[in-house]
């Protein structure tokens, strides 16, 4: 959801190439600029079986996020026949487009912004379209399509199709071995939500004698209803009405709604999920609850709702957009995992990359266990964040940042346009961003990274952080192992070349073994005893990375 967040980062790493040197008894790998031109272009992870087409996606998936209406608009602009006004209908997306997601190793496609929106928020957004001229200099009112998070009902937006079309798309994706993820916005609904007609009581109404800020409230019929908000004053969503999570009627209604979404999808991404936690809710609305006579529930909403959904749809998975507020007794993200979420956002990696302090990234990664990382989702951009090519200093830096974020344990999130290094933000209320050229060379590098990540070792293997000597402070290293399959990731996220010895205690054999740098395909041999003792000595260029198979 678009709102104020903890700051994003400005740092990077670039995954490029490798040449080899042999000096004395040590194995050297360095990355001269010339080699870059060689580049053309919960704990069930121990299983080694590959999923068959249509089966549940393996753990730690690659998730590809699509801003649905802008995407369908862009397809129409590219020449696909638009049969839904200015959009290509969801059901008319060519098979070749879906196949491309499969070719790019997506395990999950997230169709963000599917649901039906109201006219009130759209009208308000169109009236303020000039606010987005900085993002889209040639903007017109027609470019404004409304926030996908101001929802009136969880049916497919009629501008692009209907629920039958979505079922058809899901079936097609599942037949390709791809799962479908959709949005659930638990905190609020649009001010012209269809639920207001028969379920007004699920919304938060202002009690008599309440003295909270007047901007929190808006008249609706004979009631004053609250706008959606978080505990922080800056987070007030005036285009929405707040749902009341201390009302048993709301809990019942939203639980049933979540079950309905589980019947339509394979994964559900829950927007700002921590806002429904009892401690967070009490911080935001505690005084109003007391005045209205509502009692704190004995059970967390998410435990109740997820348990009910999974009892009927056991394969459905839940992803939480969440941030630690420091309000709940157990940190919010950890609590959400305990309550049943399969994955929660981990924006800390991105924040640390942007901080510019190498120790921040290294220390955070070193402090995390695989068990904790396994339930997180990493990214360097999404629909809320600035484009990584802009935030991290350029397309090369953005790619390097993606190597860091996406080779850690957990789900891996990519956003449309990321592979081509787009810099212009696609505002969620708009149907397009500023036009930018495609970048085939950068896209080819992402293709290589995605191919590397598709190996089972990154989904079912054991991840181990590898501490390096203090004189190797520019480098960070970790490895993945699954049986005889082994991968080493070494990154230099600084502005000067870094060197270091990476000890590989599991290098097997008494003589030389084959090693391949996977980002370039360069192959060479090294002494296994040397790798176990003195280690693999790596010289890594600024903002670069190496991924080795050994």
Protein backbone atom coordinates (compact mmCIF):
# COMPACT_ATOMS: atom_id res chain seq x y z
CA UNK A 1 0.00 0.00 0.00
CA UNK A 2 1.25 3.48 -0.76
CA UNK A 3 2.13 5.28 2.46
CA UNK A 4 5.08 6.53 4.43
CA UNK A 5 7.56 3.72 5.11
CA UNK A 6 10.94 3.35 6.75
CA UNK A 7 13.56 4.85 4.39
CA UNK A 8 14.79 2.83 1.44
CA UNK A 9 18.42 2.28 0.66
CA UNK A 10 21.10 3.60 -1.72
CA UNK A 11 23.66 0.89 -2.17
CA UNK A 12 24.41 -1.86 -4.58
CA UNK A 13 26.27 -4.84 -5.81
CA UNK A 14 26.67 -6.00 -9.36
CA UNK A 15 26.91 -9.62 -10.37
CA UNK A 16 29.28 -9.91 -13.28
CA UNK A 17 32.10 -12.16 -14.45
CA UNK A 18 35.11 -14.13 -13.38
CA UNK A 19 38.61 -14.89 -14.66
CA UNK A 20 41.05 -17.09 -12.91
CA UNK A 21 44.67 -16.80 -11.83
CA UNK A 22 46.84 -19.30 -10.06
CA UNK A 23 49.48 -17.91 -7.70
CA UNK A 24 51.50 -20.27 -5.51
CA UNK A 25 49.23 -22.57 -3.52
CA UNK A 26 46.25 -20.22 -3.55
CA UNK A 27 43.27 -20.12 -5.92
CA UNK A 28 42.55 -16.61 -7.21
CA UNK A 29 39.46 -15.30 -8.93
CA UNK A 30 39.31 -11.73 -10.17
CA UNK A 31 36.88 -9.72 -12.26
CA UNK A 32 38.51 -7.50 -14.90
CA UNK A 33 36.25 -5.22 -16.92
CA UNK A 34 36.98 -7.12 -20.12
CA UNK A 35 35.36 -10.24 -18.72
CA UNK A 36 32.04 -8.42 -18.36
CA UNK A 37 31.74 -8.49 -22.13
CA UNK A 38 31.65 -12.29 -21.96
CA UNK A 39 28.16 -12.02 -20.52
CA UNK A 40 25.81 -12.23 -23.48
CA UNK A 41 23.36 -11.43 -22.38
CA UNK A 42 8.57 -24.06 7.37
CA UNK A 43 11.41 -26.35 7.00
CA UNK A 44 10.51 -28.82 4.24
CA UNK A 45 13.44 -27.60 2.16
CA UNK A 46 15.38 -30.85 2.57
CA UNK A 47 13.23 -32.70 0.03
CA UNK A 48 15.00 -33.20 -3.31
CA UNK A 49 11.94 -33.96 -5.42
CA UNK A 50 10.99 -31.43 -8.08
CA UNK A 51 7.36 -30.26 -8.27
CA UNK A 52 5.32 -31.59 -11.13
CA UNK A 53 3.22 -29.26 -13.27
CA UNK A 54 0.20 -28.10 -11.29
CA UNK A 55 1.60 -29.14 -7.90
CA UNK A 56 2.13 -26.75 -5.02
CA UNK A 57 5.10 -24.50 -5.66
CA UNK A 58 8.24 -25.32 -3.76
CA UNK A 59 9.28 -23.27 -0.78
CA UNK A 60 11.12 -19.94 -1.12
CA UNK A 61 9.48 -19.14 -4.47
CA UNK A 62 10.28 -16.51 -7.05
CA UNK A 63 7.31 -14.12 -7.07
CA UNK A 64 6.71 -11.80 -10.03
CA UNK A 65 4.49 -8.81 -9.28
CA UNK A 66 2.34 -7.30 -12.01
CA UNK A 67 0.44 -4.03 -11.62
CA UNK A 68 -2.52 -5.52 -13.41
CA UNK A 69 -4.39 -2.65 -15.06
CA UNK A 70 -1.24 -0.76 -16.18
CA UNK A 71 0.09 -4.05 -17.52
CA UNK A 72 -3.08 -4.73 -19.50
CA UNK A 73 -3.01 -1.13 -20.74
CA UNK A 74 0.60 -1.55 -21.88
CA UNK A 75 -0.31 -4.75 -23.73
CA UNK A 76 -2.97 -2.79 -25.59
CA UNK A 77 -0.45 -0.07 -26.40
CA UNK A 78 1.92 -2.73 -27.73
CA UNK A 79 -0.61 -4.00 -30.24
CA UNK A 80 -2.66 -6.69 -28.48
CA UNK A 81 -6.32 -6.08 -29.29
CA UNK A 82 -8.03 -4.20 -26.42
CA UNK A 83 -11.54 -5.61 -25.98
CA UNK A 84 -12.08 -4.07 -22.54
CA UNK A 85 -12.02 -0.39 -23.41
CA UNK A 86 -8.42 0.80 -23.18
CA UNK A 87 -7.32 -2.52 -21.69
CA UNK A 88 -6.62 -5.98 -22.98
CA UNK A 89 -9.14 -8.18 -21.19
CA UNK A 90 -7.63 -10.49 -18.61
CA UNK A 91 -8.93 -13.52 -20.49
CA UNK A 92 -7.35 -12.28 -23.75
CA UNK A 93 -3.75 -12.11 -22.55
CA UNK A 94 -1.85 -14.18 -25.13
CA UNK A 95 -0.50 -17.53 -24.02
CA UNK A 96 2.96 -16.35 -25.11
CA UNK A 97 2.87 -13.68 -22.40
CA UNK A 98 2.08 -16.17 -19.66
CA UNK A 99 4.73 -18.49 -21.09
CA UNK A 100 7.31 -15.73 -20.76
CA UNK A 101 6.75 -15.68 -17.01
CA UNK A 102 7.34 -19.42 -16.97
CA UNK A 103 10.48 -19.03 -19.06
CA UNK A 104 11.72 -16.42 -16.59
CA UNK A 105 11.34 -18.98 -13.78
CA UNK A 106 8.44 -17.38 -11.92
CA UNK A 107 6.93 -19.71 -9.34
CA UNK A 108 4.19 -17.24 -8.45
CA UNK A 109 2.50 -14.45 -10.44
CA UNK A 110 1.04 -11.73 -8.24
CA UNK A 111 -1.76 -9.89 -10.05
CA UNK A 112 -1.77 -6.75 -7.93
CA UNK A 113 -4.81 -4.52 -8.30
CA UNK A 114 -7.41 -7.01 -9.54
CA UNK A 115 -10.42 -5.99 -7.52
CA UNK A 116 -13.40 -3.71 -8.13
CA UNK A 117 -12.94 -0.09 -7.12
CA UNK A 118 -15.41 2.66 -6.32
CA UNK A 119 -16.08 6.00 -7.94
CA UNK A 120 -15.55 8.25 -4.92
CA UNK A 121 -11.81 7.68 -4.60
CA UNK A 122 -11.40 7.74 -8.39
CA UNK A 123 -13.13 11.13 -8.59
CA UNK A 124 -10.94 12.50 -5.78
CA UNK A 125 -7.81 11.17 -7.46
CA UNK A 126 -8.71 12.68 -10.82
CA UNK A 127 -9.24 16.06 -9.18
CA UNK A 128 -5.68 15.98 -7.87
CA UNK A 129 -3.99 14.47 -10.92
CA UNK A 130 -1.51 17.35 -11.04
CA UNK A 131 0.05 15.97 -7.84
CA UNK A 132 1.66 13.23 -9.94
CA UNK A 133 3.12 15.42 -12.68
CA UNK A 134 6.56 14.95 -11.12
CA UNK A 135 6.25 11.19 -11.76
CA UNK A 136 4.51 11.50 -15.13
CA UNK A 137 5.24 14.88 -16.78
CA UNK A 138 2.65 14.46 -19.56
CA UNK A 139 -0.10 13.19 -17.25
CA UNK A 140 -3.76 13.76 -18.13
CA UNK A 141 -6.87 13.02 -16.03
CA UNK A 142 -7.45 9.94 -18.20
CA UNK A 143 -4.23 8.44 -16.81
CA UNK A 144 -5.76 8.31 -13.32
CA UNK A 145 -7.38 4.93 -12.65
CA UNK A 146 -7.70 4.98 -8.84
CA UNK A 147 -5.86 3.26 -6.02
CA UNK A 148 -6.04 -0.55 -6.21
CA UNK A 149 -6.23 -0.54 -2.41
CA UNK A 150 -9.52 1.40 -2.21
CA UNK A 151 -11.67 -1.67 -2.86
CA UNK A 152 -15.48 -1.86 -2.92
CA UNK A 153 -15.70 -5.64 -3.37
CA UNK A 154 -13.47 -8.67 -4.02
CA UNK A 155 -14.74 -9.32 -7.51
CA UNK A 156 -12.59 -8.72 -10.56
CA UNK A 157 -12.63 -5.11 -11.71
CA UNK A 158 -15.22 -5.04 -14.55
CA UNK A 159 -12.87 -2.80 -16.54
CA UNK A 160 -10.68 -5.85 -17.20
CA UNK A 161 -12.97 -8.89 -16.88
CA UNK A 162 -14.83 -10.99 -14.36
CA UNK A 163 -14.32 -13.78 -11.85
CA UNK A 164 -14.73 -16.47 -14.50
CA UNK A 165 -11.85 -14.89 -16.42
CA UNK A 166 -9.70 -14.98 -13.29
CA UNK A 167 -10.51 -18.66 -12.77
CA UNK A 168 -9.45 -19.30 -16.36
CA UNK A 169 -6.16 -17.46 -15.84
CA UNK A 170 -5.49 -19.32 -12.61
CA UNK A 171 -6.12 -22.66 -14.31
CA UNK A 172 -3.76 -21.72 -17.13
CA UNK A 173 -1.02 -20.64 -14.72
CA UNK A 174 -1.43 -23.75 -12.59
CA UNK A 175 -1.12 -25.94 -15.67
CA UNK A 176 2.26 -24.28 -16.25
CA UNK A 177 3.39 -24.92 -12.68
CA UNK A 178 2.82 -21.29 -11.61
CA UNK A 179 0.70 -20.20 -8.66
CA UNK A 180 -1.56 -17.16 -8.54
CA UNK A 181 -1.33 -14.56 -5.76
CA UNK A 182 -3.98 -11.90 -5.11
CA UNK A 183 -4.43 -9.04 -2.64
CA UNK A 184 -6.43 -8.86 0.58
CA UNK A 185 -6.73 -5.44 2.22
CA UNK A 186 -7.90 -6.19 5.77
CA UNK A 187 -7.67 -2.75 7.35
CA UNK A 188 -10.23 -0.78 5.36
CA UNK A 189 -12.53 -0.56 2.34
CA UNK A 190 -13.54 2.16 -0.11
CA UNK A 191 -16.00 4.82 1.04
CA UNK A 192 -18.53 3.45 -1.43
CA UNK A 193 -17.91 -0.18 -0.52
CA UNK A 194 -20.74 -2.53 -1.40
CA UNK A 195 -20.59 -3.81 2.17
CA UNK A 196 -21.98 -0.52 3.48
CA UNK A 197 -25.40 -1.47 2.15
CA UNK A 198 -25.94 -4.45 4.43
CA UNK A 199 -22.94 -4.61 6.77
CA UNK A 200 -22.41 -1.10 8.08
CA UNK A 201 -21.73 -2.51 11.54
CA UNK A 202 -18.40 -4.01 10.44
CA UNK A 203 -17.01 -0.48 10.04
CA UNK A 204 -15.74 1.61 12.93
CA UNK A 205 -18.35 4.19 13.99
CA UNK A 206 -17.58 7.17 16.18
CA UNK A 207 -18.97 6.80 19.71
CA UNK A 208 -20.77 9.64 21.43
CA UNK A 209 -18.57 12.11 23.28
CA UNK A 210 -15.48 10.97 21.39
CA UNK A 211 -12.85 13.70 21.22
CA UNK A 212 -10.39 12.16 18.76
CA UNK A 213 -9.24 14.33 15.82
CA UNK A 214 -12.09 15.29 13.50
CA UNK A 215 -10.03 14.41 10.39
CA UNK A 216 -10.26 10.77 11.43
CA UNK A 217 -14.00 10.72 10.71
CA UNK A 218 -16.52 11.31 7.93
CA UNK A 219 -20.29 11.39 7.94
CA UNK A 220 -22.03 8.41 6.36
CA UNK A 221 -25.79 8.40 6.72
CA UNK A 222 -26.60 8.75 10.40
CA UNK A 223 -23.11 7.63 11.49
CA UNK A 224 -19.64 9.07 11.59
CA UNK A 225 -17.29 6.42 10.20
CA UNK A 226 -13.53 6.34 10.70
CA UNK A 227 -11.08 6.64 7.86
CA UNK A 228 -8.52 3.85 7.54
CA UNK A 229 -5.38 4.62 9.48
CA UNK A 230 -2.40 3.16 11.34
CA UNK A 231 -1.13 4.15 14.81
CA UNK A 232 1.01 6.86 13.20
CA UNK A 233 -0.54 10.28 12.47
CA UNK A 234 0.97 10.38 8.97
CA UNK A 235 -0.91 7.23 7.92
CA UNK A 236 -4.49 8.37 7.29
CA UNK A 237 -6.23 7.03 4.19
CA UNK A 238 -9.08 9.46 3.63
CA UNK A 239 -10.40 7.55 0.60
CA UNK A 240 -11.36 4.61 2.82
CA UNK A 241 -13.44 3.60 5.85
CA UNK A 242 -11.87 1.66 8.72
CA UNK A 243 -12.99 -1.87 9.61
CA UNK A 244 -13.42 -2.64 13.32
CA UNK A 245 -11.36 -5.66 14.36
CA UNK A 246 -12.62 -5.70 17.93
CA UNK A 247 -16.14 -6.33 16.64
CA UNK A 248 -17.08 -10.04 16.44
CA UNK A 249 -19.25 -9.23 13.40
CA UNK A 250 -16.22 -7.84 11.55
CA UNK A 251 -14.09 -10.85 12.43
CA UNK A 252 -16.76 -13.23 11.14
CA UNK A 253 -17.32 -11.22 7.95
CA UNK A 254 -13.63 -10.82 7.10
CA UNK A 255 -12.88 -14.46 7.91
CA UNK A 256 -15.55 -15.57 5.45
CA UNK A 257 -14.18 -13.14 2.89
CA UNK A 258 -10.66 -14.51 3.31
CA UNK A 259 -12.02 -18.02 2.75
CA UNK A 260 -13.63 -16.83 -0.48
CA UNK A 261 -10.30 -15.41 -1.67
CA UNK A 262 -8.62 -18.71 -0.79
CA UNK A 263 -11.03 -20.42 -3.17
CA UNK A 264 -9.95 -18.07 -5.99
CA UNK A 265 -6.17 -18.14 -5.57
CA UNK A 266 -3.12 -20.04 -4.41
CA UNK A 267 -1.49 -17.31 -2.32
CA UNK A 268 -2.95 -14.24 -0.62
CA UNK A 269 -0.86 -11.15 0.01
CA UNK A 270 -2.29 -9.31 3.02
CA UNK A 271 -1.80 -5.56 2.92
CA UNK A 272 -0.36 -3.94 6.09
CA UNK A 273 -1.16 -7.11 8.00
CA UNK A 274 0.22 -5.90 11.33
CA UNK A 275 -2.57 -3.32 11.63
CA UNK A 276 -5.07 -6.03 12.64
CA UNK A 277 -2.90 -7.29 15.53
CA UNK A 278 -4.54 -6.67 18.89
CA UNK A 279 -1.62 -4.68 20.34
CA UNK A 280 -1.31 -2.51 17.23
CA UNK A 281 -5.08 -2.01 17.05
CA UNK A 282 -5.16 -1.00 20.69
CA UNK A 283 -2.45 1.60 20.10
CA UNK A 284 -4.38 3.03 17.14
CA UNK A 285 -7.96 2.82 18.43
CA UNK A 286 -7.84 1.86 22.12
CA UNK A 287 -9.55 5.00 23.44
CA UNK A 288 -12.29 4.77 20.82
CA UNK A 289 -12.82 1.10 21.66
CA UNK A 290 -13.22 1.89 25.34
CA UNK A 291 -15.69 4.67 24.59
CA UNK A 292 -17.69 2.38 22.28
CA UNK A 293 -17.70 -0.52 24.74
CA UNK A 294 -15.69 -3.01 22.66
CA UNK A 295 -13.45 -5.51 24.45
CA UNK A 296 -10.06 -6.74 23.29
CA UNK A 297 -10.56 -10.15 21.61
CA UNK A 298 -9.04 -13.17 23.32
CA UNK A 299 -7.79 -14.50 19.95
CA UNK A 300 -5.82 -12.72 17.27
CA UNK A 301 -7.81 -12.21 14.07
CA UNK A 302 -5.09 -13.71 11.89
CA UNK A 303 -4.90 -16.95 13.85
CA UNK A 304 -8.65 -17.37 13.58
CA UNK A 305 -8.94 -16.36 9.92
CA UNK A 306 -5.91 -18.24 8.55
CA UNK A 307 -6.80 -21.39 10.49
CA UNK A 308 -10.31 -21.32 9.03
CA UNK A 309 -9.09 -20.70 5.48
CA UNK A 310 -6.47 -23.44 5.64
CA UNK A 311 -8.95 -25.92 7.11
CA UNK A 312 -10.89 -25.63 3.85
CA UNK A 313 -8.02 -24.86 1.47
CA UNK A 314 -4.94 -26.47 3.03
CA UNK A 315 -2.59 -25.56 0.17
CA UNK A 316 -3.29 -21.82 0.21
CA UNK A 317 -0.36 -19.72 1.43
CA UNK A 318 -0.32 -16.31 3.08
CA UNK A 319 2.17 -13.47 2.61
CA UNK A 320 2.11 -10.44 4.91
CA UNK A 321 3.15 -6.95 4.04
CA UNK A 322 4.34 -6.06 7.52
CA UNK A 323 6.82 -3.88 9.37
CA UNK A 324 7.95 -4.00 12.98
CA UNK A 325 6.36 -1.08 14.82
CA UNK A 326 7.79 -2.04 18.22
CA UNK A 327 4.27 -2.08 19.66
CA UNK A 328 3.41 -5.76 20.14
CA UNK A 329 5.05 -7.78 22.89
CA UNK A 330 6.39 -10.16 20.26
CA UNK A 331 7.82 -8.23 17.25
CA UNK A 332 5.02 -7.81 14.76
CA UNK A 333 6.55 -9.79 11.89
CA UNK A 334 7.57 -12.69 14.13
CA UNK A 335 4.08 -12.74 15.64
CA UNK A 336 2.45 -12.88 12.22
CA UNK A 337 4.50 -15.98 11.35
CA UNK A 338 3.43 -17.56 14.63
CA UNK A 339 -0.19 -16.81 13.74
CA UNK A 340 0.04 -18.67 10.43
CA UNK A 341 1.67 -16.51 7.77
CA UNK A 342 4.02 -18.40 5.47
CA UNK A 343 6.05 -15.30 4.57
CA UNK A 344 6.39 -11.73 5.81
CA UNK A 345 8.10 -8.79 4.15
CA UNK A 346 11.76 -8.26 5.05
CA UNK A 347 12.50 -4.70 3.98
CA UNK A 348 15.51 -4.55 6.31
CA UNK A 349 17.79 -5.96 3.60
CA UNK A 350 16.82 -3.16 1.22
CA UNK A 351 17.13 -0.50 3.93
CA UNK A 352 20.61 -1.72 4.83
CA UNK A 353 21.74 -1.78 1.22
CA UNK A 354 20.61 1.80 0.84
CA UNK A 355 22.23 2.94 4.07
CA UNK A 356 25.68 2.96 2.48
CA UNK A 357 27.25 1.30 5.52
CA UNK A 358 28.67 -2.11 4.64
CA UNK A 359 28.54 -3.36 8.20
CA UNK A 360 24.78 -2.82 8.35
CA UNK A 361 24.11 -5.31 5.58
CA UNK A 362 26.74 -7.81 6.67
CA UNK A 363 25.78 -7.71 10.35
CA UNK A 364 22.09 -8.12 9.63
CA UNK A 365 22.62 -11.11 7.36
CA UNK A 366 25.07 -12.66 9.82
CA UNK A 367 22.58 -12.22 12.67
CA UNK A 368 19.79 -14.12 10.91
CA UNK A 369 19.30 -17.86 10.95
CA UNK A 370 17.94 -19.78 8.01
CA UNK A 371 14.80 -20.60 10.02
CA UNK A 372 14.07 -16.87 10.42
CA UNK A 373 14.91 -15.98 6.84
CA UNK A 374 12.81 -18.88 5.52
CA UNK A 375 9.60 -17.04 6.42
CA UNK A 376 10.58 -13.71 4.89
CA UNK A 377 10.21 -12.20 1.43
CA UNK A 378 13.02 -10.03 0.03
CA UNK A 379 12.98 -7.41 -2.71
CA UNK A 380 14.75 -4.32 -3.97
CA UNK A 381 11.58 -2.84 -5.45
CA UNK A 382 7.81 -3.32 -5.58
CA UNK A 383 4.79 -1.13 -6.28
CA UNK A 384 5.33 0.87 -3.06
CA UNK A 385 9.08 1.39 -3.24
CA UNK A 386 11.06 3.61 -5.62
CA UNK A 387 12.49 1.85 -8.63
CA UNK A 388 15.72 0.16 -7.57
CA UNK A 389 17.60 1.57 -10.57
CA UNK A 390 16.77 5.03 -9.24
CA UNK A 391 17.15 4.33 -5.52
CA UNK A 392 20.36 2.31 -5.71
CA UNK A 393 22.24 4.44 -8.23
CA UNK A 394 21.62 2.85 -11.62
CA UNK A 395 20.62 -0.39 -13.37
CA UNK A 396 23.91 -2.14 -12.64
CA UNK A 397 23.72 -1.32 -8.94
CA UNK A 398 20.06 -2.37 -8.86
CA UNK A 399 20.93 -5.73 -10.37
CA UNK A 400 23.67 -6.22 -7.82
CA UNK A 401 21.27 -5.36 -5.02
CA UNK A 402 18.89 -7.97 -6.40
CA UNK A 403 21.67 -10.58 -6.25
CA UNK A 404 22.10 -9.86 -2.55
CA UNK A 405 18.40 -9.86 -1.70
CA UNK A 406 17.38 -12.80 -3.84
CA UNK A 407 20.12 -15.29 -2.94
CA UNK A 408 19.15 -15.19 0.75
CA UNK A 409 16.67 -17.74 2.12
CA UNK A 410 13.00 -16.81 1.78
CA UNK A 411 10.63 -15.80 -0.98
CA UNK A 412 12.09 -13.62 -3.75
CA UNK A 413 9.95 -10.77 -5.08
CA UNK A 414 10.54 -9.04 -8.41
CA UNK A 415 8.44 -6.24 -9.93
CA UNK A 416 7.44 -5.61 -13.54
CA UNK A 417 9.98 -3.35 -15.23
CA UNK A 418 12.76 -4.31 -12.82
CA UNK A 419 14.48 -6.60 -15.32
CA UNK A 420 14.85 -3.67 -17.77
CA UNK A 421 16.15 -1.22 -15.17
CA UNK A 422 13.21 1.17 -15.35
CA UNK A 423 13.68 4.26 -13.17
CA UNK A 424 10.31 6.01 -13.43
CA UNK A 425 7.96 5.09 -10.62
CA UNK A 426 4.64 3.56 -11.65
CA UNK A 427 2.26 5.34 -9.27
CA UNK A 428 -0.44 2.89 -8.19
CA UNK A 429 -3.24 5.32 -9.05
CA UNK A 430 -2.02 5.71 -12.65
CA UNK A 431 -2.28 3.49 -15.71
CA UNK A 432 1.22 4.24 -16.98
CA UNK A 433 4.65 5.56 -16.05
CA UNK A 434 6.99 7.63 -18.19
CA UNK A 435 8.04 5.61 -21.21
CA UNK A 436 11.52 4.10 -21.01
CA UNK A 437 13.47 1.94 -23.46
CA UNK A 438 13.92 -1.74 -22.81
CA UNK A 439 17.40 -2.87 -21.78
CA UNK A 440 18.07 -6.27 -23.41
CA UNK A 441 21.56 -6.61 -21.92
CA UNK A 442 20.35 -6.01 -18.38
CA UNK A 443 17.35 -8.26 -18.93
CA UNK A 444 19.73 -11.02 -20.02
CA UNK A 445 21.62 -10.68 -16.73
CA UNK A 446 18.38 -11.08 -14.81
CA UNK A 447 17.55 -14.12 -16.96
CA UNK A 448 20.85 -15.64 -15.90
CA UNK A 449 20.22 -14.87 -12.21
CA UNK A 450 16.70 -16.31 -12.39
CA UNK A 451 18.03 -19.45 -14.06
CA UNK A 452 20.58 -19.83 -11.26
CA UNK A 453 17.88 -19.32 -8.61
CA UNK A 454 15.66 -21.98 -10.19
CA UNK A 455 17.97 -24.75 -8.99
CA UNK A 456 16.60 -26.77 -6.07
CA UNK A 457 19.61 -25.89 -3.94
CA UNK A 458 18.18 -22.37 -3.48
CA UNK A 459 14.76 -23.72 -2.52
CA UNK A 460 15.44 -26.86 -0.52
CA UNK A 461 19.07 -26.51 0.49
CA UNK A 462 20.85 -25.48 3.67
CA UNK A 463 22.07 -21.88 3.83
CA UNK A 464 25.22 -21.03 5.79
CA UNK A 465 26.72 -17.61 6.43
CA UNK A 466 30.53 -17.63 6.01
CA UNK A 467 32.45 -15.16 8.22
CA UNK A 468 35.53 -13.67 6.59
CA UNK A 469 38.71 -12.17 8.09
CA UNK A 470 38.63 -8.49 9.03
CA UNK A 471 40.90 -7.58 6.13
CA UNK A 472 38.16 -8.85 3.78
CA UNK A 473 35.68 -6.28 5.08
CA UNK A 474 34.48 -5.37 1.61
CA UNK A 475 33.12 -8.87 0.99
CA UNK A 476 30.22 -10.91 2.28
CA UNK A 477 29.91 -14.63 1.60
CA UNK A 478 27.48 -17.47 2.21
CA UNK A 479 26.77 -20.84 0.67
CA UNK A 480 23.91 -23.19 -0.16
CA UNK A 481 24.19 -26.98 -0.06
CA UNK A 482 21.82 -29.78 -1.01
CA UNK A 483 23.44 -33.19 -1.10
CA UNK A 484 26.31 -32.94 -3.57
CA UNK A 485 24.99 -29.67 -5.02
CA UNK A 486 26.84 -26.62 -3.67
CA UNK A 487 26.71 -22.88 -4.40
CA UNK A 488 28.92 -20.10 -3.06
CA UNK A 489 27.80 -16.46 -3.22
CA UNK A 490 30.46 -13.76 -2.74
CA UNK A 491 29.56 -10.10 -3.03
CA UNK A 492 31.47 -6.84 -2.88
CA UNK A 493 29.06 -4.01 -2.18
CA UNK A 494 31.61 -1.20 -2.08
CA UNK A 495 33.22 1.24 -4.49
CA UNK A 496 36.65 -0.44 -4.59
CA UNK A 497 37.88 -3.91 -5.41
CA UNK A 498 37.71 -6.36 -2.50
CA UNK A 499 39.79 -9.43 -1.78
CA UNK A 500 39.32 -12.29 0.62
CA UNK A 501 39.80 -15.99 1.27
CA UNK A 502 36.56 -17.97 1.49
CA UNK A 503 37.13 -21.29 3.19
CA UNK A 504 35.06 -24.13 1.75
CA UNK A 505 35.25 -26.89 4.34
CA UNK A 506 32.91 -29.09 2.29
CA UNK A 507 35.03 -29.10 -0.89
CA UNK A 508 35.33 -32.82 -1.65
CA UNK A 509 38.27 -34.78 -2.99
CA UNK A 510 42.04 -35.10 -2.74
CA UNK A 511 42.90 -33.39 -6.01
CA UNK A 512 41.52 -30.67 -8.26
CA UNK A 513 37.78 -30.12 -8.52
CA UNK A 514 35.71 -28.30 -11.14
CA UNK A 515 34.34 -24.87 -10.25
CA UNK A 516 32.01 -22.78 -12.44
CA UNK A 517 31.19 -19.10 -12.01
CA UNK A 518 27.54 -19.27 -12.97
CA UNK A 519 26.90 -15.65 -13.89
CA UNK A 520 29.47 -15.90 -16.70
CA UNK A 521 29.80 -19.63 -17.27
CA UNK A 522 33.59 -19.46 -16.77
CA UNK A 523 34.95 -22.89 -15.75
CA UNK A 524 38.21 -23.72 -14.00
CA UNK A 525 39.78 -26.20 -11.59
CA UNK A 526 41.04 -25.72 -8.04
CA UNK A 527 42.68 -27.93 -5.44
CA UNK A 528 40.09 -29.31 -3.01
CA UNK A 529 42.60 -29.51 -0.10
CA UNK A 530 43.53 -25.84 -0.71
CA UNK A 531 39.88 -24.84 -0.74
CA UNK A 532 39.34 -26.60 2.60
CA UNK A 533 42.42 -25.03 4.22
CA UNK A 534 43.47 -21.65 2.80
CA UNK A 535 40.22 -21.23 0.90
CA UNK A 536 39.21 -19.76 -2.41
CA UNK A 537 40.85 -16.34 -2.77
CA UNK A 538 38.44 -14.02 -4.51
CA UNK A 539 39.15 -10.63 -6.01
CA UNK A 540 35.81 -8.97 -6.65
CA UNK A 541 35.34 -5.70 -8.53
CA UNK A 542 33.34 -2.81 -7.03
CA UNK A 543 29.59 -3.44 -6.86
CA UNK A 544 30.00 -7.01 -8.10
CA UNK A 545 29.11 -10.55 -7.18
CA UNK A 546 30.14 -14.08 -7.98
CA UNK A 547 28.01 -17.22 -7.70
CA UNK A 548 30.02 -20.44 -7.87
CA UNK A 549 29.06 -24.05 -8.35
CA UNK A 550 31.69 -26.32 -6.82
